[in-house]
Amino acid sequence: MDKRKYIIVTAFLVVVWISDISPITLIHAKNSSSPGHLYSTNPLPRWELVEKEIGKPGIMKPDEIFYISLPRNDLKVTVKGIPIRTGLALGGWTAFKQVDNQTTMVMGDLVLTEREVQPVMSQLFKQGIQVSALHNHLLGETPRIMYMHIEGHGNPVQLAKAIRSGLELTKIPQNKIGDSYSFPLDKQKLDRIFRHKGTVSNGVYHISISRLEKIMENGMEIPPAMGVAASINFQPTENGKVAITGDFVLTAEEVNPVARTLRKHGIEVTAVHNHMLTENPRLFFMHFWANDVPFKLANSLREALDKTHSM
């Protein structure tokens, strides 16, 4: 073989060898040391591995959101003497969304006792998870319950592992099944009032109503299933009444019209606050509570919803 042919063959073999090497993908981050971004060598989400790390099964929701519920069915909570079911106000969660082939975003809401808050927060910080809010949703509950909103970007398995390290400092149960309840109210009548189809789970009626505009954060769209839809829950109580709670998702100019409507109908406004840090448009979350006649409350909530830019 002459020298020219040798060079050509050698170059060809080098190209083939390079093409067989799988690239190691690192996590996309604005700054590799910034919190909320975790390194990765696995560019694609493996949801079964996420489930394994969190220790709970998940479901795929619209907009390809992988959602894992973290219910606090270990807690016995009362509000003004009324026992509340897990689905009414004690349902924590995490939601994962693949951003691109290299990055997954996670958002979540952890339901914590006061004693759990600081250890969990410190552990999440150590693992690169951001805390975007910490606050109450209820008033007058026993024991006192706090809600910690979290966010992270990176490899989904590493994000799940980081969140699990915080969960291990709580008493959030891994496999406990809560008590079973029926729902005696006319679900279809509630659906007609809200003009949406709700769902009933373990004795609690739940309806979710999205806003009409896109919610963006750091150039990424945040789908409704990641916590940016109005959430309304009904739980039957004694004497034909229901307890209601949940939150409205509002822009600044909607806050006071909605609050005035709720108070006009005797519904308590229990909190107004942020859940995220850099979303556009800026959103405020208004939580509420009442225990009264069910369809009277439903119509009052419908009136409040009509003052928002919702579907």
C-alpha atoms as a PDB file:
ATOM      1  CA  MET A   1       0.000   0.000   0.000  1.00  0.00           C
ATOM      2  CA  ASP A   2       1.510   3.377  -0.982  1.00  0.00           C
ATOM      3  CA  LYS A   3       1.674   6.263   1.464  1.00  0.00           C
ATOM      4  CA  ARG A   4      -1.363   8.144   0.007  1.00  0.00           C
ATOM      5  CA  LYS A   5      -3.683   5.109   0.289  1.00  0.00           C
ATOM      6  CA  TYR A   6      -2.429   4.465   3.843  1.00  0.00           C
ATOM      7  CA  ILE A   7      -3.354   7.993   4.924  1.00  0.00           C
ATOM      8  CA  ILE A   8      -6.860   7.734   3.392  1.00  0.00           C
ATOM      9  CA  VAL A   9      -7.582   4.353   5.038  1.00  0.00           C
ATOM     10  CA  THR A  10      -6.287   5.558   8.403  1.00  0.00           C
ATOM     11  CA  ALA A  11      -8.445   8.702   8.264  1.00  0.00           C
ATOM     12  CA  PHE A  12     -11.524   6.606   7.392  1.00  0.00           C
ATOM     13  CA  LEU A  13     -10.965   4.282  10.367  1.00  0.00           C
ATOM     14  CA  VAL A  14     -10.554   7.239  12.745  1.00  0.00           C
ATOM     15  CA  VAL A  15     -13.899   8.722  11.584  1.00  0.00           C
ATOM     16  CA  VAL A  16     -15.660   5.380  12.091  1.00  0.00           C
ATOM     17  CA  TRP A  17     -14.146   4.983  15.560  1.00  0.00           C
ATOM     18  CA  ILE A  18     -15.224   8.497  16.631  1.00  0.00           C
ATOM     19  CA  SER A  19     -18.779   7.997  15.325  1.00  0.00           C
ATOM     20  CA  ASP A  20     -19.216   4.919  17.563  1.00  0.00           C
ATOM     21  CA  ILE A  21     -18.531   6.840  20.765  1.00  0.00           C
ATOM     22  CA  SER A  22     -21.697   7.919  22.592  1.00  0.00           C
ATOM     23  CA  PRO A  23     -21.375  11.495  23.794  1.00  0.00           C
ATOM     24  CA  ILE A  24     -21.639  12.101  27.507  1.00  0.00           C
ATOM     25  CA  THR A  25     -24.307  14.733  27.955  1.00  0.00           C
ATOM     26  CA  LEU A  26     -24.048  17.199  30.775  1.00  0.00           C
ATOM     27  CA  ILE A  27     -26.951  19.105  32.170  1.00  0.00           C
ATOM     28  CA  HIS A  28     -27.829  22.413  30.553  1.00  0.00           C
ATOM     29  CA  ALA A  29     -27.523  25.182  33.120  1.00  0.00           C
ATOM     30  CA  LYS A  30     -27.144  28.925  33.160  1.00  0.00           C
ATOM     31  CA  ASN A  31     -24.364  28.427  35.649  1.00  0.00           C
ATOM     32  CA  SER A  32     -23.052  24.993  36.545  1.00  0.00           C
ATOM     33  CA  SER A  33     -22.849  25.926  40.220  1.00  0.00           C
ATOM     34  CA  SER A  34     -26.268  27.579  40.443  1.00  0.00           C
ATOM     35  CA  PRO A  35     -28.872  25.946  42.725  1.00  0.00           C
ATOM     36  CA  GLY A  36     -31.636  23.956  41.111  1.00  0.00           C
ATOM     37  CA  HIS A  37     -29.414  22.464  38.373  1.00  0.00           C
ATOM     38  CA  LEU A  38     -28.029  18.942  38.748  1.00  0.00           C
ATOM     39  CA  TYR A  39     -25.459  17.225  36.535  1.00  0.00           C
ATOM     40  CA  SER A  40     -26.432  14.268  34.371  1.00  0.00           C
ATOM     41  CA  THR A  41     -24.984  11.610  32.081  1.00  0.00           C
ATOM     42  CA  ASN A  42     -28.458  10.387  31.051  1.00  0.00           C
ATOM     43  CA  PRO A  43     -30.120  12.792  28.583  1.00  0.00           C
ATOM     44  CA  LEU A  44     -33.585  11.189  28.461  1.00  0.00           C
ATOM     45  CA  PRO A  45     -36.152  10.847  31.259  1.00  0.00           C
ATOM     46  CA  ARG A  46     -36.737   7.370  32.654  1.00  0.00           C
ATOM     47  CA  TRP A  47     -39.930   7.795  34.596  1.00  0.00           C
ATOM     48  CA  GLU A  48     -39.783   4.316  36.156  1.00  0.00           C
ATOM     49  CA  LEU A  49     -36.434   5.297  37.672  1.00  0.00           C
ATOM     50  CA  VAL A  50     -37.971   8.533  38.964  1.00  0.00           C
ATOM     51  CA  GLU A  51     -40.740   6.498  40.612  1.00  0.00           C
ATOM     52  CA  LYS A  52     -38.140   4.244  42.193  1.00  0.00           C
ATOM     53  CA  GLU A  53     -36.202   7.178  43.631  1.00  0.00           C
ATOM     54  CA  ILE A  54     -39.274   8.994  44.975  1.00  0.00           C
ATOM     55  CA  GLY A  55     -40.718   5.725  46.246  1.00  0.00           C
ATOM     56  CA  LYS A  56     -44.206   6.318  44.844  1.00  0.00           C
ATOM     57  CA  PRO A  57     -45.935   5.644  41.506  1.00  0.00           C
ATOM     58  CA  GLY A  58     -46.644   8.468  39.086  1.00  0.00           C
ATOM     59  CA  ILE A  59     -49.040   9.154  36.231  1.00  0.00           C
ATOM     60  CA  MET A  60     -48.665  10.959  32.911  1.00  0.00           C
ATOM     61  CA  LYS A  61     -50.850  14.069  32.756  1.00  0.00           C
ATOM     62  CA  PRO A  62     -51.628  16.358  29.795  1.00  0.00           C
ATOM     63  CA  ASP A  63     -48.689  18.230  28.223  1.00  0.00           C
ATOM     64  CA  GLU A  64     -46.434  15.248  29.051  1.00  0.00           C
ATOM     65  CA  ILE A  65     -46.240  16.066  32.747  1.00  0.00           C
ATOM     66  CA  PHE A  66     -45.120  13.162  34.916  1.00  0.00           C
ATOM     67  CA  TYR A  67     -46.970  13.676  38.192  1.00  0.00           C
ATOM     68  CA  ILE A  68     -46.368  11.989  41.545  1.00  0.00           C
ATOM     69  CA  SER A  69     -48.763  12.526  44.451  1.00  0.00           C
ATOM     70  CA  LEU A  70     -47.377  12.896  47.974  1.00  0.00           C
ATOM     71  CA  PRO A  71     -50.506  12.772  50.172  1.00  0.00           C
ATOM     72  CA  ARG A  72     -50.205  13.349  53.904  1.00  0.00           C
ATOM     73  CA  ASN A  73     -52.627  10.601  54.861  1.00  0.00           C
ATOM     74  CA  ASP A  74     -50.544  10.075  57.986  1.00  0.00           C
ATOM     75  CA  LEU A  75     -51.925  13.304  59.473  1.00  0.00           C
ATOM     76  CA  LYS A  76     -55.206  13.830  61.294  1.00  0.00           C
ATOM     77  CA  VAL A  77     -55.970  17.514  60.717  1.00  0.00           C
ATOM     78  CA  THR A  78     -58.984  19.532  61.806  1.00  0.00           C
ATOM     79  CA  VAL A  79     -59.984  23.050  60.740  1.00  0.00           C
ATOM     80  CA  LYS A  80     -62.109  24.793  63.354  1.00  0.00           C
ATOM     81  CA  GLY A  81     -63.006  21.378  64.702  1.00  0.00           C
ATOM     82  CA  ILE A  82     -63.894  19.884  61.292  1.00  0.00           C
ATOM     83  CA  PRO A  83     -61.823  16.807  60.335  1.00  0.00           C
ATOM     84  CA  ILE A  84     -60.485  17.271  56.798  1.00  0.00           C
ATOM     85  CA  ARG A  85     -59.709  14.509  54.344  1.00  0.00           C
ATOM     86  CA  THR A  86     -56.363  14.216  52.641  1.00  0.00           C
ATOM     87  CA  GLY A  87     -57.794  15.167  49.249  1.00  0.00           C
ATOM     88  CA  LEU A  88     -59.270  18.417  50.551  1.00  0.00           C
ATOM     89  CA  ALA A  89     -56.042  20.186  51.510  1.00  0.00           C
ATOM     90  CA  LEU A  90     -53.238  17.720  52.319  1.00  0.00           C
ATOM     91  CA  GLY A  91     -52.234  16.519  48.867  1.00  0.00           C
ATOM     92  CA  GLY A  92     -48.577  17.269  48.179  1.00  0.00           C
ATOM     93  CA  TRP A  93     -47.096  16.540  44.744  1.00  0.00           C
ATOM     94  CA  THR A  94     -44.164  16.751  42.364  1.00  0.00           C
ATOM     95  CA  ALA A  95     -44.472  17.282  38.593  1.00  0.00           C
ATOM     96  CA  PHE A  96     -41.677  16.584  36.079  1.00  0.00           C
ATOM     97  CA  LYS A  97     -41.512  18.025  32.554  1.00  0.00           C
ATOM     98  CA  GLN A  98     -38.854  17.206  29.979  1.00  0.00           C
ATOM     99  CA  VAL A  99     -37.572  20.527  28.619  1.00  0.00           C
ATOM    100  CA  ASP A 100     -35.198  19.111  25.982  1.00  0.00           C
ATOM    101  CA  ASN A 101     -33.021  16.043  25.478  1.00  0.00           C
ATOM    102  CA  GLN A 102     -30.738  17.175  28.278  1.00  0.00           C
ATOM    103  CA  THR A 103     -32.913  18.875  30.886  1.00  0.00           C
ATOM    104  CA  THR A 104     -35.986  18.128  32.962  1.00  0.00           C
ATOM    105  CA  MET A 105     -37.796  20.652  35.146  1.00  0.00           C
ATOM    106  CA  VAL A 106     -39.509  19.666  38.376  1.00  0.00           C
ATOM    107  CA  MET A 107     -41.949  21.690  40.445  1.00  0.00           C
ATOM    108  CA  GLY A 108     -43.775  20.607  43.549  1.00  0.00           C
ATOM    109  CA  ASP A 109     -45.641  21.406  46.733  1.00  0.00           C
ATOM    110  CA  LEU A 110     -44.678  19.567  49.916  1.00  0.00           C
ATOM    111  CA  VAL A 111     -47.176  19.399  52.791  1.00  0.00           C
ATOM    112  CA  LEU A 112     -45.194  19.673  56.017  1.00  0.00           C
ATOM    113  CA  THR A 113     -45.667  20.017  59.740  1.00  0.00           C
ATOM    114  CA  GLU A 114     -43.980  23.021  61.332  1.00  0.00           C
ATOM    115  CA  ARG A 115     -41.283  20.794  62.823  1.00  0.00           C
ATOM    116  CA  GLU A 116     -40.400  19.358  59.391  1.00  0.00           C
ATOM    117  CA  VAL A 117     -39.951  22.676  57.578  1.00  0.00           C
ATOM    118  CA  GLN A 118     -36.385  23.683  58.456  1.00  0.00           C
ATOM    119  CA  PRO A 119     -34.704  20.243  58.180  1.00  0.00           C
ATOM    120  CA  VAL A 120     -36.382  19.611  54.820  1.00  0.00           C
ATOM    121  CA  MET A 121     -35.457  23.035  53.461  1.00  0.00           C
ATOM    122  CA  SER A 122     -31.798  22.679  54.468  1.00  0.00           C
ATOM    123  CA  GLN A 123     -31.569  19.225  52.909  1.00  0.00           C
ATOM    124  CA  LEU A 124     -33.133  20.370  49.641  1.00  0.00           C
ATOM    125  CA  PHE A 125     -30.690  23.266  49.439  1.00  0.00           C
ATOM    126  CA  LYS A 126     -27.783  20.860  49.920  1.00  0.00           C
ATOM    127  CA  GLN A 127     -29.096  18.776  47.013  1.00  0.00           C
ATOM    128  CA  GLY A 128     -29.513  21.712  44.609  1.00  0.00           C
ATOM    129  CA  ILE A 129     -33.291  22.097  44.844  1.00  0.00           C
ATOM    130  CA  GLN A 130     -34.734  25.618  45.040  1.00  0.00           C
ATOM    131  CA  VAL A 131     -37.479  26.670  47.454  1.00  0.00           C
ATOM    132  CA  SER A 132     -39.785  29.176  45.781  1.00  0.00           C
ATOM    133  CA  ALA A 133     -42.376  29.670  48.544  1.00  0.00           C
ATOM    134  CA  LEU A 134     -43.249  28.682  52.104  1.00  0.00           C
ATOM    135  CA  HIS A 135     -46.622  29.546  53.581  1.00  0.00           C
ATOM    136  CA  ASN A 136     -49.992  28.494  54.999  1.00  0.00           C
ATOM    137  CA  HIS A 137     -53.048  27.519  52.964  1.00  0.00           C
ATOM    138  CA  LEU A 138     -55.457  27.172  55.892  1.00  0.00           C
ATOM    139  CA  LEU A 139     -56.335  29.120  59.034  1.00  0.00           C
ATOM    140  CA  GLY A 140     -57.195  27.608  62.401  1.00  0.00           C
ATOM    141  CA  GLU A 141     -56.009  24.094  61.576  1.00  0.00           C
ATOM    142  CA  THR A 142     -54.617  21.639  64.136  1.00  0.00           C
ATOM    143  CA  PRO A 143     -51.811  20.648  63.876  1.00  0.00           C
ATOM    144  CA  ARG A 144     -50.313  23.616  62.057  1.00  0.00           C
ATOM    145  CA  ILE A 145     -49.576  22.759  58.407  1.00  0.00           C
ATOM    146  CA  MET A 146     -47.129  24.519  56.060  1.00  0.00           C
ATOM    147  CA  TYR A 147     -46.682  24.218  52.299  1.00  0.00           C
ATOM    148  CA  MET A 148     -43.252  24.356  50.674  1.00  0.00           C
ATOM    149  CA  HIS A 149     -43.051  24.960  46.924  1.00  0.00           C
ATOM    150  CA  ILE A 150     -39.942  23.655  45.192  1.00  0.00           C
ATOM    151  CA  GLU A 151     -38.298  23.809  41.769  1.00  0.00           C
ATOM    152  CA  GLY A 152     -35.282  22.200  40.127  1.00  0.00           C
ATOM    153  CA  HIS A 153     -33.688  21.640  36.714  1.00  0.00           C
ATOM    154  CA  GLY A 154     -31.507  18.739  35.652  1.00  0.00           C
ATOM    155  CA  ASN A 155     -31.524  15.004  35.168  1.00  0.00           C
ATOM    156  CA  PRO A 156     -34.902  13.616  36.329  1.00  0.00           C
ATOM    157  CA  VAL A 157     -33.431  10.718  38.307  1.00  0.00           C
ATOM    158  CA  GLN A 158     -30.994  13.008  40.117  1.00  0.00           C
ATOM    159  CA  LEU A 159     -33.815  15.482  40.812  1.00  0.00           C
ATOM    160  CA  ALA A 160     -35.965  12.669  42.212  1.00  0.00           C
ATOM    161  CA  LYS A 161     -33.091  11.462  44.390  1.00  0.00           C
ATOM    162  CA  ALA A 162     -32.590  15.001  45.721  1.00  0.00           C
ATOM    163  CA  ILE A 163     -36.280  15.393  46.563  1.00  0.00           C
ATOM    164  CA  ARG A 164     -36.387  11.963  48.200  1.00  0.00           C
ATOM    165  CA  SER A 165     -33.561  13.007  50.524  1.00  0.00           C
ATOM    166  CA  GLY A 166     -35.820  15.797  51.793  1.00  0.00           C
ATOM    167  CA  LEU A 167     -38.873  13.565  52.047  1.00  0.00           C
ATOM    168  CA  GLU A 168     -36.933  11.149  54.237  1.00  0.00           C
ATOM    169  CA  LEU A 169     -36.848  13.854  56.921  1.00  0.00           C
ATOM    170  CA  THR A 170     -40.660  13.877  57.060  1.00  0.00           C
ATOM    171  CA  LYS A 171     -43.276  11.336  58.029  1.00  0.00           C
ATOM    172  CA  ILE A 172     -44.819  11.329  54.546  1.00  0.00           C
ATOM    173  CA  PRO A 173     -45.853   7.670  54.240  1.00  0.00           C
ATOM    174  CA  GLN A 174     -44.582   5.553  51.370  1.00  0.00           C
ATOM    175  CA  ASN A 175     -47.446   3.116  50.867  1.00  0.00           C
ATOM    176  CA  LYS A 176     -50.174   3.907  53.385  1.00  0.00           C
ATOM    177  CA  ILE A 177     -53.714   3.822  51.981  1.00  0.00           C
ATOM    178  CA  GLY A 178     -56.019   6.425  53.488  1.00  0.00           C
ATOM    179  CA  ASP A 179     -59.546   5.931  54.768  1.00  0.00           C
ATOM    180  CA  SER A 180     -62.293   5.339  52.198  1.00  0.00           C
ATOM    181  CA  TYR A 181     -65.167   7.822  51.823  1.00  0.00           C
ATOM    182  CA  SER A 182     -68.221   8.216  49.583  1.00  0.00           C
ATOM    183  CA  PHE A 183     -69.434  11.439  47.934  1.00  0.00           C
ATOM    184  CA  PRO A 184     -73.229  11.846  48.309  1.00  0.00           C
ATOM    185  CA  LEU A 185     -73.617  15.145  46.406  1.00  0.00           C
ATOM    186  CA  ASP A 186     -74.835  15.563  42.822  1.00  0.00           C
ATOM    187  CA  LYS A 187     -71.533  15.701  40.935  1.00  0.00           C
ATOM    188  CA  GLN A 188     -73.201  16.529  37.615  1.00  0.00           C
ATOM    189  CA  LYS A 189     -74.889  19.576  39.132  1.00  0.00           C
ATOM    190  CA  LEU A 190     -71.497  20.816  40.368  1.00  0.00           C
ATOM    191  CA  ASP A 191     -70.050  20.214  36.901  1.00  0.00           C
ATOM    192  CA  ARG A 192     -72.824  22.316  35.342  1.00  0.00           C
ATOM    193  CA  ILE A 193     -72.198  25.194  37.746  1.00  0.00           C
ATOM    194  CA  PHE A 194     -68.464  25.234  37.043  1.00  0.00           C
ATOM    195  CA  ARG A 195     -68.918  24.420  33.322  1.00  0.00           C
ATOM    196  CA  HIS A 196     -66.154  21.839  33.655  1.00  0.00           C
ATOM    197  CA  LYS A 197     -66.063  18.174  34.541  1.00  0.00           C
ATOM    198  CA  GLY A 198     -64.682  17.525  37.991  1.00  0.00           C
ATOM    199  CA  THR A 199     -63.480  14.274  39.498  1.00  0.00           C
ATOM    200  CA  VAL A 200     -64.353  12.525  42.754  1.00  0.00           C
ATOM    201  CA  SER A 201     -61.622  10.766  44.689  1.00  0.00           C
ATOM    202  CA  ASN A 202     -62.088   9.248  48.118  1.00  0.00           C
ATOM    203  CA  GLY A 203     -65.020  11.438  49.061  1.00  0.00           C
ATOM    204  CA  VAL A 204     -63.662  14.758  47.731  1.00  0.00           C
ATOM    205  CA  TYR A 205     -64.868  16.529  44.577  1.00  0.00           C
ATOM    206  CA  HIS A 206     -62.056  18.272  42.752  1.00  0.00           C
ATOM    207  CA  ILE A 207     -62.119  20.599  39.774  1.00  0.00           C
ATOM    208  CA  SER A 208     -59.202  22.298  38.012  1.00  0.00           C
ATOM    209  CA  ILE A 209     -59.685  25.344  35.762  1.00  0.00           C
ATOM    210  CA  SER A 210     -56.821  26.678  33.650  1.00  0.00           C
ATOM    211  CA  ARG A 211     -56.051  30.255  32.727  1.00  0.00           C
ATOM    212  CA  LEU A 212     -56.338  31.302  29.090  1.00  0.00           C
ATOM    213  CA  GLU A 213     -52.875  32.806  28.668  1.00  0.00           C
ATOM    214  CA  LYS A 214     -49.595  30.896  28.612  1.00  0.00           C
ATOM    215  CA  ILE A 215     -47.605  30.974  31.845  1.00  0.00           C
ATOM    216  CA  MET A 216     -43.878  31.305  31.183  1.00  0.00           C
ATOM    217  CA  GLU A 217     -40.880  31.024  33.479  1.00  0.00           C
ATOM    218  CA  ASN A 218     -37.288  31.483  32.289  1.00  0.00           C
ATOM    219  CA  GLY A 219     -38.447  31.069  28.693  1.00  0.00           C
ATOM    220  CA  MET A 220     -40.297  27.800  29.383  1.00  0.00           C
ATOM    221  CA  GLU A 221     -44.056  27.292  29.339  1.00  0.00           C
ATOM    222  CA  ILE A 222     -45.495  26.060  32.638  1.00  0.00           C
ATOM    223  CA  PRO A 223     -48.482  23.792  31.877  1.00  0.00           C
ATOM    224  CA  PRO A 224     -51.573  23.841  34.125  1.00  0.00           C
ATOM    225  CA  ALA A 225     -50.708  20.412  35.573  1.00  0.00           C
ATOM    226  CA  MET A 226     -47.614  21.933  37.170  1.00  0.00           C
ATOM    227  CA  GLY A 227     -49.729  23.942  39.592  1.00  0.00           C
ATOM    228  CA  VAL A 228     -50.899  26.989  37.632  1.00  0.00           C
ATOM    229  CA  ALA A 229     -54.613  26.161  37.365  1.00  0.00           C
ATOM    230  CA  ALA A 230     -57.330  27.174  39.809  1.00  0.00           C
ATOM    231  CA  SER A 231     -58.084  24.288  42.155  1.00  0.00           C
ATOM    232  CA  ILE A 232     -61.401  23.850  43.983  1.00  0.00           C
ATOM    233  CA  ASN A 233     -62.231  21.016  46.394  1.00  0.00           C
ATOM    234  CA  PHE A 234     -65.506  20.009  48.092  1.00  0.00           C
ATOM    235  CA  GLN A 235     -65.743  17.677  51.106  1.00  0.00           C
ATOM    236  CA  PRO A 236     -69.114  16.765  52.637  1.00  0.00           C
ATOM    237  CA  THR A 237     -69.394  17.588  56.345  1.00  0.00           C
ATOM    238  CA  GLU A 238     -72.257  17.365  58.849  1.00  0.00           C
ATOM    239  CA  ASN A 239     -75.826  18.642  58.458  1.00  0.00           C
ATOM    240  CA  GLY A 240     -75.777  18.597  54.657  1.00  0.00           C
ATOM    241  CA  LYS A 241     -72.930  21.072  54.398  1.00  0.00           C
ATOM    242  CA  VAL A 242     -69.563  20.922  52.620  1.00  0.00           C
ATOM    243  CA  ALA A 243     -66.114  22.258  53.419  1.00  0.00           C
ATOM    244  CA  ILE A 244     -64.446  23.975  50.480  1.00  0.00           C
ATOM    245  CA  THR A 245     -60.848  24.948  49.960  1.00  0.00           C
ATOM    246  CA  GLY A 246     -58.346  25.376  47.151  1.00  0.00           C
ATOM    247  CA  ASP A 247     -56.810  28.319  45.380  1.00  0.00           C
ATOM    248  CA  PHE A 248     -57.466  30.809  42.601  1.00  0.00           C
ATOM    249  CA  VAL A 249     -54.586  31.646  40.239  1.00  0.00           C
ATOM    250  CA  LEU A 250     -54.727  35.398  39.688  1.00  0.00           C
ATOM    251  CA  THR A 251     -52.969  38.321  38.063  1.00  0.00           C
ATOM    252  CA  ALA A 252     -52.518  41.442  40.199  1.00  0.00           C
ATOM    253  CA  GLU A 253     -55.602  43.236  38.898  1.00  0.00           C
ATOM    254  CA  GLU A 254     -57.795  40.197  39.652  1.00  0.00           C
ATOM    255  CA  VAL A 255     -56.810  39.816  43.324  1.00  0.00           C
ATOM    256  CA  ASN A 256     -59.164  42.327  44.935  1.00  0.00           C
ATOM    257  CA  PRO A 257     -62.233  41.692  42.725  1.00  0.00           C
ATOM    258  CA  VAL A 258     -62.010  37.970  43.528  1.00  0.00           C
ATOM    259  CA  ALA A 259     -61.385  38.581  47.241  1.00  0.00           C
ATOM    260  CA  ARG A 260     -64.350  40.974  47.458  1.00  0.00           C
ATOM    261  CA  THR A 261     -66.606  38.418  45.753  1.00  0.00           C
ATOM    262  CA  LEU A 262     -65.559  35.655  48.149  1.00  0.00           C
ATOM    263  CA  ARG A 263     -66.089  37.805  51.229  1.00  0.00           C
ATOM    264  CA  LYS A 264     -69.453  39.016  49.927  1.00  0.00           C
ATOM    265  CA  HIS A 265     -70.616  35.405  50.069  1.00  0.00           C
ATOM    266  CA  GLY A 266     -69.063  34.639  53.462  1.00  0.00           C
ATOM    267  CA  ILE A 267     -66.086  32.661  52.093  1.00  0.00           C
ATOM    268  CA  GLU A 268     -62.874  33.242  54.027  1.00  0.00           C
ATOM    269  CA  VAL A 269     -59.725  34.349  52.208  1.00  0.00           C
ATOM    270  CA  THR A 270     -57.035  32.437  54.089  1.00  0.00           C
ATOM    271  CA  ALA A 271     -53.882  33.351  52.133  1.00  0.00           C
ATOM    272  CA  VAL A 272     -52.629  35.414  49.181  1.00  0.00           C
ATOM    273  CA  HIS A 273     -49.085  34.720  48.040  1.00  0.00           C
ATOM    274  CA  ASN A 274     -46.702  33.579  45.311  1.00  0.00           C
ATOM    275  CA  HIS A 275     -45.861  29.980  44.433  1.00  0.00           C
ATOM    276  CA  MET A 276     -43.102  30.757  41.900  1.00  0.00           C
ATOM    277  CA  LEU A 277     -40.403  33.421  41.594  1.00  0.00           C
ATOM    278  CA  THR A 278     -39.925  34.508  37.975  1.00  0.00           C
ATOM    279  CA  GLU A 279     -43.145  33.610  36.141  1.00  0.00           C
ATOM    280  CA  ASN A 280     -44.710  35.807  33.475  1.00  0.00           C
ATOM    281  CA  PRO A 281     -47.377  37.051  33.891  1.00  0.00           C
ATOM    282  CA  ARG A 282     -46.851  37.496  37.609  1.00  0.00           C
ATOM    283  CA  LEU A 283     -49.304  35.267  39.484  1.00  0.00           C
ATOM    284  CA  PHE A 284     -50.848  35.359  42.945  1.00  0.00           C
ATOM    285  CA  PHE A 285     -52.511  32.373  44.585  1.00  0.00           C
ATOM    286  CA  MET A 286     -55.559  33.038  46.729  1.00  0.00           C
ATOM    287  CA  HIS A 287     -56.605  30.264  49.120  1.00  0.00           C
ATOM    288  CA  PHE A 288     -60.057  30.114  50.658  1.00  0.00           C
ATOM    289  CA  TRP A 289     -62.232  28.218  53.145  1.00  0.00           C
ATOM    290  CA  ALA A 290     -65.912  27.846  54.000  1.00  0.00           C
ATOM    291  CA  ASN A 291     -68.282  25.270  55.469  1.00  0.00           C
ATOM    292  CA  ASP A 292     -71.805  25.871  54.195  1.00  0.00           C
ATOM    293  CA  VAL A 293     -74.568  24.686  51.844  1.00  0.00           C
ATOM    294  CA  PRO A 294     -72.870  23.046  48.831  1.00  0.00           C
ATOM    295  CA  PHE A 295     -74.573  24.580  45.788  1.00  0.00           C
ATOM    296  CA  LYS A 296     -74.699  28.026  47.365  1.00  0.00           C
ATOM    297  CA  LEU A 297     -70.915  27.816  47.736  1.00  0.00           C
ATOM    298  CA  ALA A 298     -70.499  26.459  44.206  1.00  0.00           C
ATOM    299  CA  ASN A 299     -72.380  29.400  42.700  1.00  0.00           C
ATOM    300  CA  SER A 300     -70.350  31.845  44.801  1.00  0.00           C
ATOM    301  CA  LEU A 301     -67.091  30.312  43.584  1.00  0.00           C
ATOM    302  CA  ARG A 302     -68.382  30.405  39.991  1.00  0.00           C
ATOM    303  CA  GLU A 303     -69.040  34.132  40.385  1.00  0.00           C
ATOM    304  CA  ALA A 304     -65.468  34.625  41.596  1.00  0.00           C
ATOM    305  CA  LEU A 305     -64.063  32.558  38.713  1.00  0.00           C
ATOM    306  CA  ASP A 306     -65.944  34.771  36.258  1.00  0.00           C
ATOM    307  CA  LYS A 307     -63.721  37.664  37.375  1.00  0.00           C
ATOM    308  CA  THR A 308     -60.597  35.846  36.173  1.00  0.00           C
ATOM    309  CA  HIS A 309     -59.115  35.258  32.722  1.00  0.00           C
ATOM    310  CA  SER A 310     -59.889  31.544  32.867  1.00  0.00           C
ATOM    311  CA  MET A 311     -61.300  28.971  30.484  1.00  0.00           C
END
